[in-house]
Amino acid sequence: MLIQLINENGGMAIIPETHVNLILRSWQAHIRPIVDPVPMRTVSLVFRKDYIHEQLLNVVVDAVKTIIPSGMQEQVIKGERIKL
């Protein structure tokens, strides 16, 4: 919907790179990447210190990795715990 509004009325919008393939090919010619600074996001998984179902956490991590294209993933998984 946002893309259609921009197409009809002009302007700009920021859309996730994972959605570019969902845009009509005729509109894709107008897409420009953000190059400086390179956009990024951090996905965090927070759980209790005494949580014992590590296998379930790994299932969640694997599911998130399937959604995010591999070229957009850093292969760093931090196992740091922060005491609150």
PDB file of N, CA and C in Angstrom:
ATOM      1  N   MET A   1       0.817  -1.191   0.000  1.00  0.00           N
ATOM      2  CA  MET A   1       0.000   0.000   0.000  1.00  0.00           C
ATOM      3  C   MET A   1       0.870   1.268   0.000  1.00  0.00           C
ATOM      4  N   LEU A   2       1.893   1.256   0.848  1.00  0.00           N
ATOM      5  CA  LEU A   2       2.781   2.416   0.923  1.00  0.00           C
ATOM      6  C   LEU A   2       3.466   2.664  -0.420  1.00  0.00           C
ATOM      7  N   ILE A   3       3.900   1.597  -1.063  1.00  0.00           N
ATOM      8  CA  ILE A   3       4.572   1.729  -2.360  1.00  0.00           C
ATOM      9  C   ILE A   3       3.615   2.323  -3.390  1.00  0.00           C
ATOM     10  N   GLN A   4       2.360   1.913  -3.372  1.00  0.00           N
ATOM     11  CA  GLN A   4       1.378   2.454  -4.314  1.00  0.00           C
ATOM     12  C   GLN A   4       1.144   3.933  -4.074  1.00  0.00           C
ATOM     13  N   LEU A   5       1.075   4.337  -2.804  1.00  0.00           N
ATOM     14  CA  LEU A   5       0.902   5.760  -2.488  1.00  0.00           C
ATOM     15  C   LEU A   5       2.082   6.575  -2.994  1.00  0.00           C
ATOM     16  N   ILE A   6       3.282   6.059  -2.789  1.00  0.00           N
ATOM     17  CA  ILE A   6       4.479   6.759  -3.269  1.00  0.00           C
ATOM     18  C   ILE A   6       4.468   6.835  -4.794  1.00  0.00           C
ATOM     19  N   ASN A   7       4.112   5.743  -5.440  1.00  0.00           N
ATOM     20  CA  ASN A   7       4.090   5.705  -6.899  1.00  0.00           C
ATOM     21  C   ASN A   7       3.088   6.709  -7.467  1.00  0.00           C
ATOM     22  N   GLU A   8       1.945   6.839  -6.830  1.00  0.00           N
ATOM     23  CA  GLU A   8       0.900   7.737  -7.328  1.00  0.00           C
ATOM     24  C   GLU A   8       1.155   9.199  -6.975  1.00  0.00           C
ATOM     25  N   ASN A   9       1.718   9.450  -5.795  1.00  0.00           N
ATOM     26  CA  ASN A   9       1.835  10.823  -5.306  1.00  0.00           C
ATOM     27  C   ASN A   9       3.261  11.345  -5.240  1.00  0.00           C
ATOM     28  N   GLY A  10       4.232  10.487  -5.504  1.00  0.00           N
ATOM     29  CA  GLY A  10       5.627  10.904  -5.398  1.00  0.00           C
ATOM     30  C   GLY A  10       6.127  10.791  -3.972  1.00  0.00           C
ATOM     31  N   GLY A  11       7.404  10.931  -3.818  1.00  0.00           N
ATOM     32  CA  GLY A  11       8.006  10.857  -2.491  1.00  0.00           C
ATOM     33  C   GLY A  11       8.942   9.678  -2.379  1.00  0.00           C
ATOM     34  N   MET A  12       9.312   9.379  -1.137  1.00  0.00           N
ATOM     35  CA  MET A  12      10.226   8.279  -0.862  1.00  0.00           C
ATOM     36  C   MET A  12       9.723   7.488   0.330  1.00  0.00           C
ATOM     37  N   ALA A  13      10.156   6.243   0.385  1.00  0.00           N
ATOM     38  CA  ALA A  13       9.859   5.376   1.526  1.00  0.00           C
ATOM     39  C   ALA A  13      11.045   4.462   1.752  1.00  0.00           C
ATOM     40  N   ILE A  14      11.235   4.079   2.976  1.00  0.00           N
ATOM     41  CA  ILE A  14      12.258   3.093   3.308  1.00  0.00           C
ATOM     42  C   ILE A  14      11.545   1.767   3.504  1.00  0.00           C
ATOM     43  N   ILE A  15      11.990   0.768   2.741  1.00  0.00           N
ATOM     44  CA  ILE A  15      11.384  -0.556   2.853  1.00  0.00           C
ATOM     45  C   ILE A  15      12.487  -1.573   3.161  1.00  0.00           C
ATOM     46  N   PRO A  16      12.147  -2.631   3.859  1.00  0.00           N
ATOM     47  CA  PRO A  16      13.162  -3.652   4.151  1.00  0.00           C
ATOM     48  C   PRO A  16      13.651  -4.327   2.876  1.00  0.00           C
ATOM     49  N   GLU A  17      14.923  -4.641   2.841  1.00  0.00           N
ATOM     50  CA  GLU A  17      15.504  -5.300   1.677  1.00  0.00           C
ATOM     51  C   GLU A  17      14.832  -6.643   1.407  1.00  0.00           C
ATOM     52  N   THR A  18      14.356  -7.283   2.467  1.00  0.00           N
ATOM     53  CA  THR A  18      13.691  -8.572   2.298  1.00  0.00           C
ATOM     54  C   THR A  18      12.360  -8.459   1.560  1.00  0.00           C
ATOM     55  N   HIS A  19      11.848  -7.244   1.365  1.00  0.00           N
ATOM     56  CA  HIS A  19      10.575  -7.043   0.678  1.00  0.00           C
ATOM     57  C   HIS A  19      10.725  -6.599  -0.773  1.00  0.00           C
ATOM     58  N   VAL A  20      11.949  -6.369  -1.212  1.00  0.00           N
ATOM     59  CA  VAL A  20      12.174  -5.874  -2.574  1.00  0.00           C
ATOM     60  C   VAL A  20      11.580  -6.820  -3.619  1.00  0.00           C
ATOM     61  N   ASN A  21      11.700  -8.117  -3.413  1.00  0.00           N
ATOM     62  CA  ASN A  21      11.172  -9.080  -4.382  1.00  0.00           C
ATOM     63  C   ASN A  21       9.653  -9.074  -4.462  1.00  0.00           C
ATOM     64  N   LEU A  22       8.982  -8.464  -3.498  1.00  0.00           N
ATOM     65  CA  LEU A  22       7.523  -8.402  -3.489  1.00  0.00           C
ATOM     66  C   LEU A  22       6.987  -7.205  -4.282  1.00  0.00           C
ATOM     67  N   ILE A  23       7.877  -6.325  -4.693  1.00  0.00           N
ATOM     68  CA  ILE A  23       7.486  -5.123  -5.421  1.00  0.00           C
ATOM     69  C   ILE A  23       7.435  -5.425  -6.915  1.00  0.00           C
ATOM     70  N   LEU A  24       6.480  -4.819  -7.589  1.00  0.00           N
ATOM     71  CA  LEU A  24       6.367  -5.021  -9.031  1.00  0.00           C
ATOM     72  C   LEU A  24       7.691  -4.716  -9.718  1.00  0.00           C
ATOM     73  N   ARG A  25       8.028  -5.518 -10.725  1.00  0.00           N
ATOM     74  CA  ARG A  25       9.296  -5.328 -11.436  1.00  0.00           C
ATOM     75  C   ARG A  25       9.414  -3.928 -12.032  1.00  0.00           C
ATOM     76  N   SER A  26       8.312  -3.381 -12.518  1.00  0.00           N
ATOM     77  CA  SER A  26       8.358  -2.040 -13.113  1.00  0.00           C
ATOM     78  C   SER A  26       8.715  -0.980 -12.069  1.00  0.00           C
ATOM     79  N   TRP A  27       8.434  -1.228 -10.801  1.00  0.00           N
ATOM     80  CA  TRP A  27       8.754  -0.275  -9.747  1.00  0.00           C
ATOM     81  C   TRP A  27      10.153  -0.501  -9.195  1.00  0.00           C
ATOM     82  N   GLN A  28      10.705  -1.704  -9.400  1.00  0.00           N
ATOM     83  CA  GLN A  28      12.014  -2.015  -8.833  1.00  0.00           C
ATOM     84  C   GLN A  28      13.127  -1.157  -9.420  1.00  0.00           C
ATOM     85  N   ALA A  29      12.916  -0.613 -10.602  1.00  0.00           N
ATOM     86  CA  ALA A  29      13.934   0.251 -11.214  1.00  0.00           C
ATOM     87  C   ALA A  29      14.165   1.522 -10.394  1.00  0.00           C
ATOM     88  N   HIS A  30      13.218   1.874  -9.542  1.00  0.00           N
ATOM     89  CA  HIS A  30      13.319   3.099  -8.745  1.00  0.00           C
ATOM     90  C   HIS A  30      13.928   2.856  -7.365  1.00  0.00           C
ATOM     91  N   ILE A  31      14.229   1.617  -7.063  1.00  0.00           N
ATOM     92  CA  ILE A  31      14.762   1.284  -5.736  1.00  0.00           C
ATOM     93  C   ILE A  31      16.242   1.627  -5.669  1.00  0.00           C
ATOM     94  N   ARG A  32      16.618   2.282  -4.595  1.00  0.00           N
ATOM     95  CA  ARG A  32      18.019   2.640  -4.361  1.00  0.00           C
ATOM     96  C   ARG A  32      18.406   2.148  -2.971  1.00  0.00           C
ATOM     97  N   PRO A  33      19.561   1.521  -2.848  1.00  0.00           N
ATOM     98  CA  PRO A  33      19.991   1.053  -1.520  1.00  0.00           C
ATOM     99  C   PRO A  33      20.509   2.210  -0.672  1.00  0.00           C
ATOM    100  N   ILE A  34      20.420   2.058   0.611  1.00  0.00           N
ATOM    101  CA  ILE A  34      21.053   2.995   1.541  1.00  0.00           C
ATOM    102  C   ILE A  34      22.478   2.499   1.710  1.00  0.00           C
ATOM    103  N   VAL A  35      23.450   3.333   1.344  1.00  0.00           N
ATOM    104  CA  VAL A  35      24.838   2.867   1.353  1.00  0.00           C
ATOM    105  C   VAL A  35      25.691   3.447   2.478  1.00  0.00           C
ATOM    106  N   ASP A  36      25.339   4.609   2.986  1.00  0.00           N
ATOM    107  CA  ASP A  36      26.167   5.200   4.032  1.00  0.00           C
ATOM    108  C   ASP A  36      25.303   6.000   4.992  1.00  0.00           C
ATOM    109  N   PRO A  37      25.177   5.579   6.191  1.00  0.00           N
ATOM    110  CA  PRO A  37      25.723   4.366   6.785  1.00  0.00           C
ATOM    111  C   PRO A  37      24.896   3.144   6.375  1.00  0.00           C
ATOM    112  N   VAL A  38      25.530   1.996   6.339  1.00  0.00           N
ATOM    113  CA  VAL A  38      24.847   0.764   5.975  1.00  0.00           C
ATOM    114  C   VAL A  38      23.833   0.429   7.081  1.00  0.00           C
ATOM    115  N   PRO A  39      22.568   0.244   6.699  1.00  0.00           N
ATOM    116  CA  PRO A  39      21.570  -0.067   7.730  1.00  0.00           C
ATOM    117  C   PRO A  39      21.800  -1.467   8.303  1.00  0.00           C
ATOM    118  N   MET A  40      21.495  -1.618   9.577  1.00  0.00           N
ATOM    119  CA  MET A  40      21.623  -2.924  10.217  1.00  0.00           C
ATOM    120  C   MET A  40      20.668  -3.013  11.389  1.00  0.00           C
ATOM    121  N   ARG A  41      20.446  -4.214  11.817  1.00  0.00           N
ATOM    122  CA  ARG A  41      19.641  -4.413  13.015  1.00  0.00           C
ATOM    123  C   ARG A  41      20.198  -5.601  13.773  1.00  0.00           C
ATOM    124  N   THR A  42      19.898  -5.611  15.043  1.00  0.00           N
ATOM    125  CA  THR A  42      20.342  -6.696  15.905  1.00  0.00           C
ATOM    126  C   THR A  42      19.116  -7.436  16.404  1.00  0.00           C
ATOM    127  N   VAL A  43      19.160  -8.738  16.315  1.00  0.00           N
ATOM    128  CA  VAL A  43      18.084  -9.564  16.839  1.00  0.00           C
ATOM    129  C   VAL A  43      18.608 -10.199  18.111  1.00  0.00           C
ATOM    130  N   SER A  44      17.879 -10.025  19.203  1.00  0.00           N
ATOM    131  CA  SER A  44      18.310 -10.569  20.486  1.00  0.00           C
ATOM    132  C   SER A  44      17.300 -11.581  20.998  1.00  0.00           C
ATOM    133  N   LEU A  45      17.797 -12.571  21.655  1.00  0.00           N
ATOM    134  CA  LEU A  45      16.973 -13.582  22.295  1.00  0.00           C
ATOM    135  C   LEU A  45      17.270 -13.501  23.786  1.00  0.00           C
ATOM    136  N   VAL A  46      16.271 -13.150  24.547  1.00  0.00           N
ATOM    137  CA  VAL A  46      16.455 -12.947  25.981  1.00  0.00           C
ATOM    138  C   VAL A  46      15.700 -14.043  26.720  1.00  0.00           C
ATOM    139  N   PHE A  47      16.383 -14.649  27.674  1.00  0.00           N
ATOM    140  CA  PHE A  47      15.753 -15.710  28.446  1.00  0.00           C
ATOM    141  C   PHE A  47      16.323 -15.703  29.859  1.00  0.00           C
ATOM    142  N   ARG A  48      15.636 -16.401  30.749  1.00  0.00           N
ATOM    143  CA  ARG A  48      16.061 -16.453  32.145  1.00  0.00           C
ATOM    144  C   ARG A  48      17.347 -17.258  32.297  1.00  0.00           C
ATOM    145  N   LYS A  49      18.133 -16.878  33.263  1.00  0.00           N
ATOM    146  CA  LYS A  49      19.410 -17.540  33.518  1.00  0.00           C
ATOM    147  C   LYS A  49      19.223 -19.036  33.796  1.00  0.00           C
ATOM    148  N   ASP A  50      18.130 -19.391  34.437  1.00  0.00           N
ATOM    149  CA  ASP A  50      17.906 -20.786  34.800  1.00  0.00           C
ATOM    150  C   ASP A  50      17.066 -21.545  33.765  1.00  0.00           C
ATOM    151  N   TYR A  51      16.898 -20.982  32.570  1.00  0.00           N
ATOM    152  CA  TYR A  51      16.131 -21.646  31.504  1.00  0.00           C
ATOM    153  C   TYR A  51      16.906 -22.868  31.033  1.00  0.00           C
ATOM    154  N   ILE A  52      16.269 -24.034  31.034  1.00  0.00           N
ATOM    155  CA  ILE A  52      16.996 -25.278  30.771  1.00  0.00           C
ATOM    156  C   ILE A  52      16.734 -25.880  29.394  1.00  0.00           C
ATOM    157  N   HIS A  53      15.877 -25.268  28.604  1.00  0.00           N
ATOM    158  CA  HIS A  53      15.499 -25.836  27.313  1.00  0.00           C
ATOM    159  C   HIS A  53      16.343 -25.243  26.182  1.00  0.00           C
ATOM    160  N   GLU A  54      17.637 -25.503  26.237  1.00  0.00           N
ATOM    161  CA  GLU A  54      18.554 -24.957  25.242  1.00  0.00           C
ATOM    162  C   GLU A  54      18.175 -25.399  23.831  1.00  0.00           C
ATOM    163  N   GLN A  55      17.677 -26.601  23.685  1.00  0.00           N
ATOM    164  CA  GLN A  55      17.291 -27.109  22.370  1.00  0.00           C
ATOM    165  C   GLN A  55      16.172 -26.256  21.771  1.00  0.00           C
ATOM    166  N   LEU A  56      15.231 -25.815  22.586  1.00  0.00           N
ATOM    167  CA  LEU A  56      14.157 -24.949  22.084  1.00  0.00           C
ATOM    168  C   LEU A  56      14.701 -23.598  21.640  1.00  0.00           C
ATOM    169  N   LEU A  57      15.681 -23.078  22.368  1.00  0.00           N
ATOM    170  CA  LEU A  57      16.298 -21.812  21.972  1.00  0.00           C
ATOM    171  C   LEU A  57      16.993 -21.957  20.626  1.00  0.00           C
ATOM    172  N   ASN A  58      17.654 -23.086  20.418  1.00  0.00           N
ATOM    173  CA  ASN A  58      18.320 -23.327  19.139  1.00  0.00           C
ATOM    174  C   ASN A  58      17.319 -23.423  17.998  1.00  0.00           C
ATOM    175  N   VAL A  59      16.139 -23.970  18.254  1.00  0.00           N
ATOM    176  CA  VAL A  59      15.088 -24.034  17.235  1.00  0.00           C
ATOM    177  C   VAL A  59      14.649 -22.624  16.849  1.00  0.00           C
ATOM    178  N   VAL A  60      14.502 -21.754  17.832  1.00  0.00           N
ATOM    179  CA  VAL A  60      14.110 -20.362  17.561  1.00  0.00           C
ATOM    180  C   VAL A  60      15.201 -19.670  16.749  1.00  0.00           C
ATOM    181  N   VAL A  61      16.455 -19.834  17.136  1.00  0.00           N
ATOM    182  CA  VAL A  61      17.570 -19.222  16.404  1.00  0.00           C
ATOM    183  C   VAL A  61      17.585 -19.710  14.956  1.00  0.00           C
ATOM    184  N   ASP A  62      17.421 -21.005  14.758  1.00  0.00           N
ATOM    185  CA  ASP A  62      17.419 -21.561  13.401  1.00  0.00           C
ATOM    186  C   ASP A  62      16.255 -21.028  12.573  1.00  0.00           C
ATOM    187  N   ALA A  63      15.089 -20.858  13.209  1.00  0.00           N
ATOM    188  CA  ALA A  63      13.924 -20.322  12.500  1.00  0.00           C
ATOM    189  C   ALA A  63      14.172 -18.878  12.058  1.00  0.00           C
ATOM    190  N   VAL A  64      14.759 -18.080  12.930  1.00  0.00           N
ATOM    191  CA  VAL A  64      15.067 -16.690  12.573  1.00  0.00           C
ATOM    192  C   VAL A  64      16.068 -16.653  11.424  1.00  0.00           C
ATOM    193  N   LYS A  65      17.057 -17.540  11.461  1.00  0.00           N
ATOM    194  CA  LYS A  65      18.064 -17.579  10.394  1.00  0.00           C
ATOM    195  C   LYS A  65      17.454 -17.940   9.041  1.00  0.00           C
ATOM    196  N   THR A  66      16.391 -18.723   9.016  1.00  0.00           N
ATOM    197  CA  THR A  66      15.768 -19.075   7.739  1.00  0.00           C
ATOM    198  C   THR A  66      15.007 -17.899   7.145  1.00  0.00           C
ATOM    199  N   ILE A  67      14.573 -16.978   7.974  1.00  0.00           N
ATOM    200  CA  ILE A  67      13.816 -15.815   7.510  1.00  0.00           C
ATOM    201  C   ILE A  67      14.752 -14.751   6.939  1.00  0.00           C
ATOM    202  N   ILE A  68      15.907 -14.589   7.554  1.00  0.00           N
ATOM    203  CA  ILE A  68      16.852 -13.551   7.149  1.00  0.00           C
ATOM    204  C   ILE A  68      17.787 -14.122   6.086  1.00  0.00           C
ATOM    205  N   PRO A  69      17.867 -13.487   4.913  1.00  0.00           N
ATOM    206  CA  PRO A  69      18.772 -13.991   3.868  1.00  0.00           C
ATOM    207  C   PRO A  69      20.206 -14.109   4.391  1.00  0.00           C
ATOM    208  N   SER A  70      20.905 -15.153   3.978  1.00  0.00           N
ATOM    209  CA  SER A  70      22.247 -15.426   4.509  1.00  0.00           C
ATOM    210  C   SER A  70      23.219 -14.274   4.260  1.00  0.00           C
ATOM    211  N   GLY A  71      23.063 -13.565   3.163  1.00  0.00           N
ATOM    212  CA  GLY A  71      23.939 -12.436   2.886  1.00  0.00           C
ATOM    213  C   GLY A  71      23.758 -11.276   3.841  1.00  0.00           C
ATOM    214  N   MET A  72      22.665 -11.274   4.581  1.00  0.00           N
ATOM    215  CA  MET A  72      22.397 -10.204   5.532  1.00  0.00           C
ATOM    216  C   MET A  72      22.752 -10.612   6.961  1.00  0.00           C
ATOM    217  N   GLN A  73      23.194 -11.833   7.131  1.00  0.00           N
ATOM    218  CA  GLN A  73      23.498 -12.332   8.465  1.00  0.00           C
ATOM    219  C   GLN A  73      24.976 -12.216   8.762  1.00  0.00           C
ATOM    220  N   GLU A  74      25.273 -11.789   9.953  1.00  0.00           N
ATOM    221  CA  GLU A  74      26.630 -11.902  10.459  1.00  0.00           C
ATOM    222  C   GLU A  74      26.679 -13.253  11.146  1.00  0.00           C
ATOM    223  N   GLN A  75      27.753 -13.936  11.000  1.00  0.00           N
ATOM    224  CA  GLN A  75      27.840 -15.269  11.593  1.00  0.00           C
ATOM    225  C   GLN A  75      28.316 -15.218  13.042  1.00  0.00           C
ATOM    226  N   VAL A  76      27.956 -14.159  13.736  1.00  0.00           N
ATOM    227  CA  VAL A  76      28.369 -14.002  15.122  1.00  0.00           C
ATOM    228  C   VAL A  76      27.149 -14.179  16.010  1.00  0.00           C
ATOM    229  N   ILE A  77      27.254 -15.137  16.873  1.00  0.00           N
ATOM    230  CA  ILE A  77      26.206 -15.325  17.881  1.00  0.00           C
ATOM    231  C   ILE A  77      26.879 -15.136  19.224  1.00  0.00           C
ATOM    232  N   LYS A  78      26.429 -14.138  19.940  1.00  0.00           N
ATOM    233  CA  LYS A  78      27.038 -13.832  21.223  1.00  0.00           C
ATOM    234  C   LYS A  78      26.284 -14.593  22.315  1.00  0.00           C
ATOM    235  N   GLY A  79      27.027 -15.174  23.203  1.00  0.00           N
ATOM    236  CA  GLY A  79      26.431 -15.886  24.311  1.00  0.00           C
ATOM    237  C   GLY A  79      26.568 -15.137  25.619  1.00  0.00           C
ATOM    238  N   GLU A  80      26.609 -13.837  25.521  1.00  0.00           N
ATOM    239  CA  GLU A  80      26.817 -13.017  26.711  1.00  0.00           C
ATOM    240  C   GLU A  80      25.551 -12.933  27.538  1.00  0.00           C
ATOM    241  N   ARG A  81      25.744 -12.922  28.818  1.00  0.00           N
ATOM    242  CA  ARG A  81      24.611 -12.754  29.726  1.00  0.00           C
ATOM    243  C   ARG A  81      24.794 -11.443  30.467  1.00  0.00           C
ATOM    244  N   ILE A  82      23.734 -10.697  30.554  1.00  0.00           N
ATOM    245  CA  ILE A  82      23.769  -9.432  31.272  1.00  0.00           C
ATOM    246  C   ILE A  82      22.854  -9.560  32.481  1.00  0.00           C
ATOM    247  N   LYS A  83      23.385  -9.320  33.630  1.00  0.00           N
ATOM    248  CA  LYS A  83      22.611  -9.429  34.854  1.00  0.00           C
ATOM    249  C   LYS A  83      21.750  -8.191  35.034  1.00  0.00           C
ATOM    250  N   LEU A  84      20.467  -8.380  35.254  1.00  0.00           N
ATOM    251  CA  LEU A  84      19.554  -7.247  35.448  1.00  0.00           C
ATOM    252  C   LEU A  84      19.188  -7.122  36.911  1.00  0.00           C
TER     253      LEU A  84
END
